[in-house]
Amino acid sequence: MRTATKIRLDKYQYGELVDIIRGHVEAGLRHGAADDTTIARIADLAAGDARFAIALLHRAAERGD
């Protein structure tokens, strides 16, 4: 039996996370669906975790639809 190898990934910086979220907004939502304030709030809540940020964006988009 093999053991799992743990890989530690550094958290994203705030600006990097904003760029990631903004890219997802531009690629998948209609124009104006998420403003800079919303993107900043998601980045703050995600605290460097891009997967969590994308999940938050997804939930927000579902509720806003």
PDB file of N, CA and C in Angstrom:
ATOM      1  N   MET A   1       0.841  -1.166   0.000  1.00  0.00           N
ATOM      2  CA  MET A   1       0.000   0.000   0.000  1.00  0.00           C
ATOM      3  C   MET A   1       0.896   1.241   0.000  1.00  0.00           C
ATOM      4  N   ARG A   2       0.559   2.174  -0.866  1.00  0.00           N
ATOM      5  CA  ARG A   2       1.326   3.420  -0.921  1.00  0.00           C
ATOM      6  C   ARG A   2       0.705   4.458   0.001  1.00  0.00           C
ATOM      7  N   THR A   3       1.544   5.320   0.490  1.00  0.00           N
ATOM      8  CA  THR A   3       1.038   6.417   1.311  1.00  0.00           C
ATOM      9  C   THR A   3       0.884   7.662   0.444  1.00  0.00           C
ATOM     10  N   ALA A   4      -0.023   8.481   0.832  1.00  0.00           N
ATOM     11  CA  ALA A   4      -0.269   9.723   0.086  1.00  0.00           C
ATOM     12  C   ALA A   4       0.844  10.721   0.365  1.00  0.00           C
ATOM     13  N   THR A   5       1.202  11.437  -0.646  1.00  0.00           N
ATOM     14  CA  THR A   5       2.186  12.491  -0.500  1.00  0.00           C
ATOM     15  C   THR A   5       1.453  13.807  -0.293  1.00  0.00           C
ATOM     16  N   LYS A   6       1.829  14.509   0.744  1.00  0.00           N
ATOM     17  CA  LYS A   6       1.201  15.796   1.023  1.00  0.00           C
ATOM     18  C   LYS A   6       1.959  16.891   0.283  1.00  0.00           C
ATOM     19  N   ILE A   7       1.196  17.757  -0.329  1.00  0.00           N
ATOM     20  CA  ILE A   7       1.768  18.900  -1.014  1.00  0.00           C
ATOM     21  C   ILE A   7       1.184  20.144  -0.370  1.00  0.00           C
ATOM     22  N   ARG A   8       2.044  21.026   0.067  1.00  0.00           N
ATOM     23  CA  ARG A   8       1.590  22.262   0.693  1.00  0.00           C
ATOM     24  C   ARG A   8       1.620  23.371  -0.350  1.00  0.00           C
ATOM     25  N   LEU A   9       0.477  23.977  -0.557  1.00  0.00           N
ATOM     26  CA  LEU A   9       0.375  25.080  -1.499  1.00  0.00           C
ATOM     27  C   LEU A   9       0.237  26.387  -0.726  1.00  0.00           C
ATOM     28  N   ASP A  10       0.996  27.378  -1.140  1.00  0.00           N
ATOM     29  CA  ASP A  10       0.894  28.683  -0.505  1.00  0.00           C
ATOM     30  C   ASP A  10      -0.428  29.337  -0.883  1.00  0.00           C
ATOM     31  N   LYS A  11      -0.937  30.147   0.025  1.00  0.00           N
ATOM     32  CA  LYS A  11      -2.168  30.877  -0.256  1.00  0.00           C
ATOM     33  C   LYS A  11      -1.870  31.982  -1.259  1.00  0.00           C
ATOM     34  N   TYR A  12      -2.874  32.339  -2.028  1.00  0.00           N
ATOM     35  CA  TYR A  12      -2.743  33.431  -2.975  1.00  0.00           C
ATOM     36  C   TYR A  12      -2.728  34.766  -2.231  1.00  0.00           C
ATOM     37  N   GLN A  13      -2.013  35.721  -2.769  1.00  0.00           N
ATOM     38  CA  GLN A  13      -2.057  37.087  -2.256  1.00  0.00           C
ATOM     39  C   GLN A  13      -3.399  37.695  -2.660  1.00  0.00           C
ATOM     40  N   TYR A  14      -3.800  38.728  -1.951  1.00  0.00           N
ATOM     41  CA  TYR A  14      -5.096  39.362  -2.201  1.00  0.00           C
ATOM     42  C   TYR A  14      -5.260  39.766  -3.666  1.00  0.00           C
ATOM     43  N   GLY A  15      -4.278  40.455  -4.226  1.00  0.00           N
ATOM     44  CA  GLY A  15      -4.366  40.916  -5.612  1.00  0.00           C
ATOM     45  C   GLY A  15      -4.459  39.771  -6.606  1.00  0.00           C
ATOM     46  N   GLU A  16      -3.730  38.696  -6.334  1.00  0.00           N
ATOM     47  CA  GLU A  16      -3.794  37.521  -7.209  1.00  0.00           C
ATOM     48  C   GLU A  16      -5.189  36.914  -7.178  1.00  0.00           C
ATOM     49  N   LEU A  17      -5.752  36.845  -5.989  1.00  0.00           N
ATOM     50  CA  LEU A  17      -7.090  36.275  -5.839  1.00  0.00           C
ATOM     51  C   LEU A  17      -8.142  37.142  -6.527  1.00  0.00           C
ATOM     52  N   VAL A  18      -8.007  38.444  -6.420  1.00  0.00           N
ATOM     53  CA  VAL A  18      -8.922  39.347  -7.114  1.00  0.00           C
ATOM     54  C   VAL A  18      -8.846  39.107  -8.618  1.00  0.00           C
ATOM     55  N   ASP A  19      -7.634  38.955  -9.144  1.00  0.00           N
ATOM     56  CA  ASP A  19      -7.467  38.696 -10.581  1.00  0.00           C
ATOM     57  C   ASP A  19      -8.120  37.386 -10.995  1.00  0.00           C
ATOM     58  N   ILE A  20      -7.980  36.356 -10.175  1.00  0.00           N
ATOM     59  CA  ILE A  20      -8.586  35.055 -10.463  1.00  0.00           C
ATOM     60  C   ILE A  20     -10.111  35.170 -10.479  1.00  0.00           C
ATOM     61  N   ILE A  21     -10.647  35.817  -9.458  1.00  0.00           N
ATOM     62  CA  ILE A  21     -12.104  35.979  -9.377  1.00  0.00           C
ATOM     63  C   ILE A  21     -12.610  36.804 -10.553  1.00  0.00           C
ATOM     64  N   ARG A  22     -11.929  37.913 -10.839  1.00  0.00           N
ATOM     65  CA  ARG A  22     -12.345  38.777 -11.947  1.00  0.00           C
ATOM     66  C   ARG A  22     -12.333  38.006 -13.271  1.00  0.00           C
ATOM     67  N   GLY A  23     -11.324  37.155 -13.459  1.00  0.00           N
ATOM     68  CA  GLY A  23     -11.267  36.342 -14.670  1.00  0.00           C
ATOM     69  C   GLY A  23     -12.468  35.422 -14.797  1.00  0.00           C
ATOM     70  N   HIS A  24     -12.876  34.839 -13.686  1.00  0.00           N
ATOM     71  CA  HIS A  24     -14.051  33.960 -13.706  1.00  0.00           C
ATOM     72  C   HIS A  24     -15.324  34.755 -13.956  1.00  0.00           C
ATOM     73  N   VAL A  25     -15.395  35.947 -13.377  1.00  0.00           N
ATOM     74  CA  VAL A  25     -16.561  36.801 -13.599  1.00  0.00           C
ATOM     75  C   VAL A  25     -16.669  37.157 -15.075  1.00  0.00           C
ATOM     76  N   GLU A  26     -15.566  37.597 -15.671  1.00  0.00           N
ATOM     77  CA  GLU A  26     -15.577  38.004 -17.079  1.00  0.00           C
ATOM     78  C   GLU A  26     -15.853  36.829 -18.016  1.00  0.00           C
ATOM     79  N   ALA A  27     -15.383  35.649 -17.644  1.00  0.00           N
ATOM     80  CA  ALA A  27     -15.559  34.477 -18.506  1.00  0.00           C
ATOM     81  C   ALA A  27     -16.944  33.846 -18.381  1.00  0.00           C
ATOM     82  N   GLY A  28     -17.564  33.972 -17.202  1.00  0.00           N
ATOM     83  CA  GLY A  28     -18.771  33.185 -17.008  1.00  0.00           C
ATOM     84  C   GLY A  28     -20.036  33.921 -16.614  1.00  0.00           C
ATOM     85  N   LEU A  29     -19.935  35.228 -16.351  1.00  0.00           N
ATOM     86  CA  LEU A  29     -21.129  35.962 -15.925  1.00  0.00           C
ATOM     87  C   LEU A  29     -21.407  37.108 -16.882  1.00  0.00           C
ATOM     88  N   ARG A  30     -22.642  37.539 -16.892  1.00  0.00           N
ATOM     89  CA  ARG A  30     -22.984  38.663 -17.763  1.00  0.00           C
ATOM     90  C   ARG A  30     -22.322  39.930 -17.225  1.00  0.00           C
ATOM     91  N   HIS A  31     -22.107  40.876 -18.107  1.00  0.00           N
ATOM     92  CA  HIS A  31     -21.454  42.128 -17.740  1.00  0.00           C
ATOM     93  C   HIS A  31     -22.229  42.812 -16.614  1.00  0.00           C
ATOM     94  N   GLY A  32     -21.524  43.218 -15.584  1.00  0.00           N
ATOM     95  CA  GLY A  32     -22.147  43.917 -14.462  1.00  0.00           C
ATOM     96  C   GLY A  32     -22.714  43.013 -13.388  1.00  0.00           C
ATOM     97  N   ALA A  33     -22.570  41.701 -13.555  1.00  0.00           N
ATOM     98  CA  ALA A  33     -23.147  40.772 -12.577  1.00  0.00           C
ATOM     99  C   ALA A  33     -22.422  40.832 -11.235  1.00  0.00           C
ATOM    100  N   ALA A  34     -21.132  41.140 -11.256  1.00  0.00           N
ATOM    101  CA  ALA A  34     -20.360  41.256 -10.017  1.00  0.00           C
ATOM    102  C   ALA A  34     -19.462  42.474 -10.139  1.00  0.00           C
ATOM    103  N   ASP A  35     -19.676  43.457  -9.268  1.00  0.00           N
ATOM    104  CA  ASP A  35     -18.866  44.666  -9.321  1.00  0.00           C
ATOM    105  C   ASP A  35     -17.593  44.501  -8.486  1.00  0.00           C
ATOM    106  N   ASP A  36     -16.754  45.535  -8.479  1.00  0.00           N
ATOM    107  CA  ASP A  36     -15.475  45.471  -7.766  1.00  0.00           C
ATOM    108  C   ASP A  36     -15.652  45.245  -6.271  1.00  0.00           C
ATOM    109  N   THR A  37     -16.716  45.805  -5.705  1.00  0.00           N
ATOM    110  CA  THR A  37     -16.981  45.619  -4.275  1.00  0.00           C
ATOM    111  C   THR A  37     -17.281  44.156  -3.962  1.00  0.00           C
ATOM    112  N   THR A  38     -18.068  43.519  -4.802  1.00  0.00           N
ATOM    113  CA  THR A  38     -18.407  42.105  -4.621  1.00  0.00           C
ATOM    114  C   THR A  38     -17.160  41.238  -4.765  1.00  0.00           C
ATOM    115  N   ILE A  39     -16.357  41.529  -5.777  1.00  0.00           N
ATOM    116  CA  ILE A  39     -15.129  40.765  -6.004  1.00  0.00           C
ATOM    117  C   ILE A  39     -14.190  40.919  -4.816  1.00  0.00           C
ATOM    118  N   ALA A  40     -14.048  42.139  -4.305  1.00  0.00           N
ATOM    119  CA  ALA A  40     -13.184  42.379  -3.143  1.00  0.00           C
ATOM    120  C   ALA A  40     -13.690  41.642  -1.912  1.00  0.00           C
ATOM    121  N   ARG A  41     -14.997  41.626  -1.730  1.00  0.00           N
ATOM    122  CA  ARG A  41     -15.588  40.926  -0.567  1.00  0.00           C
ATOM    123  C   ARG A  41     -15.324  39.426  -0.649  1.00  0.00           C
ATOM    124  N   ILE A  42     -15.481  38.862  -1.825  1.00  0.00           N
ATOM    125  CA  ILE A  42     -15.206  37.436  -2.008  1.00  0.00           C
ATOM    126  C   ILE A  42     -13.738  37.145  -1.732  1.00  0.00           C
ATOM    127  N   ALA A  43     -12.847  37.997  -2.232  1.00  0.00           N
ATOM    128  CA  ALA A  43     -11.412  37.811  -1.991  1.00  0.00           C
ATOM    129  C   ALA A  43     -11.091  37.889  -0.499  1.00  0.00           C
ATOM    130  N   ASP A  44     -11.720  38.824   0.203  1.00  0.00           N
ATOM    131  CA  ASP A  44     -11.515  38.925   1.652  1.00  0.00           C
ATOM    132  C   ASP A  44     -11.984  37.670   2.373  1.00  0.00           C
ATOM    133  N   LEU A  45     -13.177  37.213   2.043  1.00  0.00           N
ATOM    134  CA  LEU A  45     -13.732  36.029   2.702  1.00  0.00           C
ATOM    135  C   LEU A  45     -12.919  34.775   2.417  1.00  0.00           C
ATOM    136  N   ALA A  46     -12.385  34.668   1.208  1.00  0.00           N
ATOM    137  CA  ALA A  46     -11.648  33.469   0.807  1.00  0.00           C
ATOM    138  C   ALA A  46     -10.266  33.391   1.460  1.00  0.00           C
ATOM    139  N   ALA A  47      -9.720  34.504   1.874  1.00  0.00           N
ATOM    140  CA  ALA A  47      -8.447  34.551   2.598  1.00  0.00           C
ATOM    141  C   ALA A  47      -7.343  33.735   1.928  1.00  0.00           C
ATOM    142  N   GLY A  48      -7.182  33.927   0.622  1.00  0.00           N
ATOM    143  CA  GLY A  48      -6.091  33.276  -0.088  1.00  0.00           C
ATOM    144  C   GLY A  48      -6.407  31.932  -0.702  1.00  0.00           C
ATOM    145  N   ASP A  49      -7.604  31.411  -0.484  1.00  0.00           N
ATOM    146  CA  ASP A  49      -7.996  30.099  -0.990  1.00  0.00           C
ATOM    147  C   ASP A  49      -8.820  30.265  -2.270  1.00  0.00           C
ATOM    148  N   ALA A  50      -8.189  30.013  -3.416  1.00  0.00           N
ATOM    149  CA  ALA A  50      -8.852  30.228  -4.708  1.00  0.00           C
ATOM    150  C   ALA A  50     -10.056  29.314  -4.893  1.00  0.00           C
ATOM    151  N   ARG A  51      -9.966  28.084  -4.445  1.00  0.00           N
ATOM    152  CA  ARG A  51     -11.109  27.167  -4.591  1.00  0.00           C
ATOM    153  C   ARG A  51     -12.322  27.686  -3.826  1.00  0.00           C
ATOM    154  N   PHE A  52     -12.068  28.170  -2.622  1.00  0.00           N
ATOM    155  CA  PHE A  52     -13.157  28.711  -1.816  1.00  0.00           C
ATOM    156  C   PHE A  52     -13.721  29.969  -2.460  1.00  0.00           C
ATOM    157  N   ALA A  53     -12.858  30.816  -3.006  1.00  0.00           N
ATOM    158  CA  ALA A  53     -13.311  32.038  -3.680  1.00  0.00           C
ATOM    159  C   ALA A  53     -14.213  31.714  -4.859  1.00  0.00           C
ATOM    160  N   ILE A  54     -13.831  30.730  -5.648  1.00  0.00           N
ATOM    161  CA  ILE A  54     -14.634  30.344  -6.809  1.00  0.00           C
ATOM    162  C   ILE A  54     -15.965  29.747  -6.360  1.00  0.00           C
ATOM    163  N   ALA A  55     -15.938  28.973  -5.280  1.00  0.00           N
ATOM    164  CA  ALA A  55     -17.182  28.417  -4.743  1.00  0.00           C
ATOM    165  C   ALA A  55     -18.106  29.531  -4.263  1.00  0.00           C
ATOM    166  N   LEU A  56     -17.541  30.532  -3.587  1.00  0.00           N
ATOM    167  CA  LEU A  56     -18.348  31.667  -3.142  1.00  0.00           C
ATOM    168  C   LEU A  56     -18.942  32.420  -4.324  1.00  0.00           C
ATOM    169  N   LEU A  57     -18.136  32.633  -5.346  1.00  0.00           N
ATOM    170  CA  LEU A  57     -18.620  33.309  -6.549  1.00  0.00           C
ATOM    171  C   LEU A  57     -19.756  32.517  -7.186  1.00  0.00           C
ATOM    172  N   HIS A  58     -19.600  31.214  -7.256  1.00  0.00           N
ATOM    173  CA  HIS A  58     -20.626  30.350  -7.842  1.00  0.00           C
ATOM    174  C   HIS A  58     -21.941  30.470  -7.065  1.00  0.00           C
ATOM    175  N   ARG A  59     -21.842  30.409  -5.737  1.00  0.00           N
ATOM    176  CA  ARG A  59     -23.047  30.535  -4.909  1.00  0.00           C
ATOM    177  C   ARG A  59     -23.700  31.899  -5.071  1.00  0.00           C
ATOM    178  N   ALA A  60     -22.882  32.944  -5.116  1.00  0.00           N
ATOM    179  CA  ALA A  60     -23.417  34.287  -5.291  1.00  0.00           C
ATOM    180  C   ALA A  60     -24.112  34.431  -6.643  1.00  0.00           C
ATOM    181  N   ALA A  61     -23.522  33.840  -7.672  1.00  0.00           N
ATOM    182  CA  ALA A  61     -24.117  33.915  -9.008  1.00  0.00           C
ATOM    183  C   ALA A  61     -25.447  33.165  -9.058  1.00  0.00           C
ATOM    184  N   GLU A  62     -25.506  32.028  -8.388  1.00  0.00           N
ATOM    185  CA  GLU A  62     -26.766  31.267  -8.347  1.00  0.00           C
ATOM    186  C   GLU A  62     -27.860  32.053  -7.648  1.00  0.00           C
ATOM    187  N   ARG A  63     -27.510  32.696  -6.547  1.00  0.00           N
ATOM    188  CA  ARG A  63     -28.516  33.456  -5.787  1.00  0.00           C
ATOM    189  C   ARG A  63     -28.926  34.725  -6.496  1.00  0.00           C
ATOM    190  N   GLY A  64     -28.012  35.277  -7.278  1.00  0.00           N
ATOM    191  CA  GLY A  64     -28.309  36.529  -7.972  1.00  0.00           C
ATOM    192  C   GLY A  64     -29.043  36.332  -9.273  1.00  0.00           C
ATOM    193  N   ASP A  65     -29.128  35.080  -9.714  1.00  0.00           N
ATOM    194  CA  ASP A  65     -29.756  34.795 -11.000  1.00  0.00           C
ATOM    195  C   ASP A  65     -31.252  34.866 -10.965  1.00  0.00           C
TER     196      ASP A  65
END
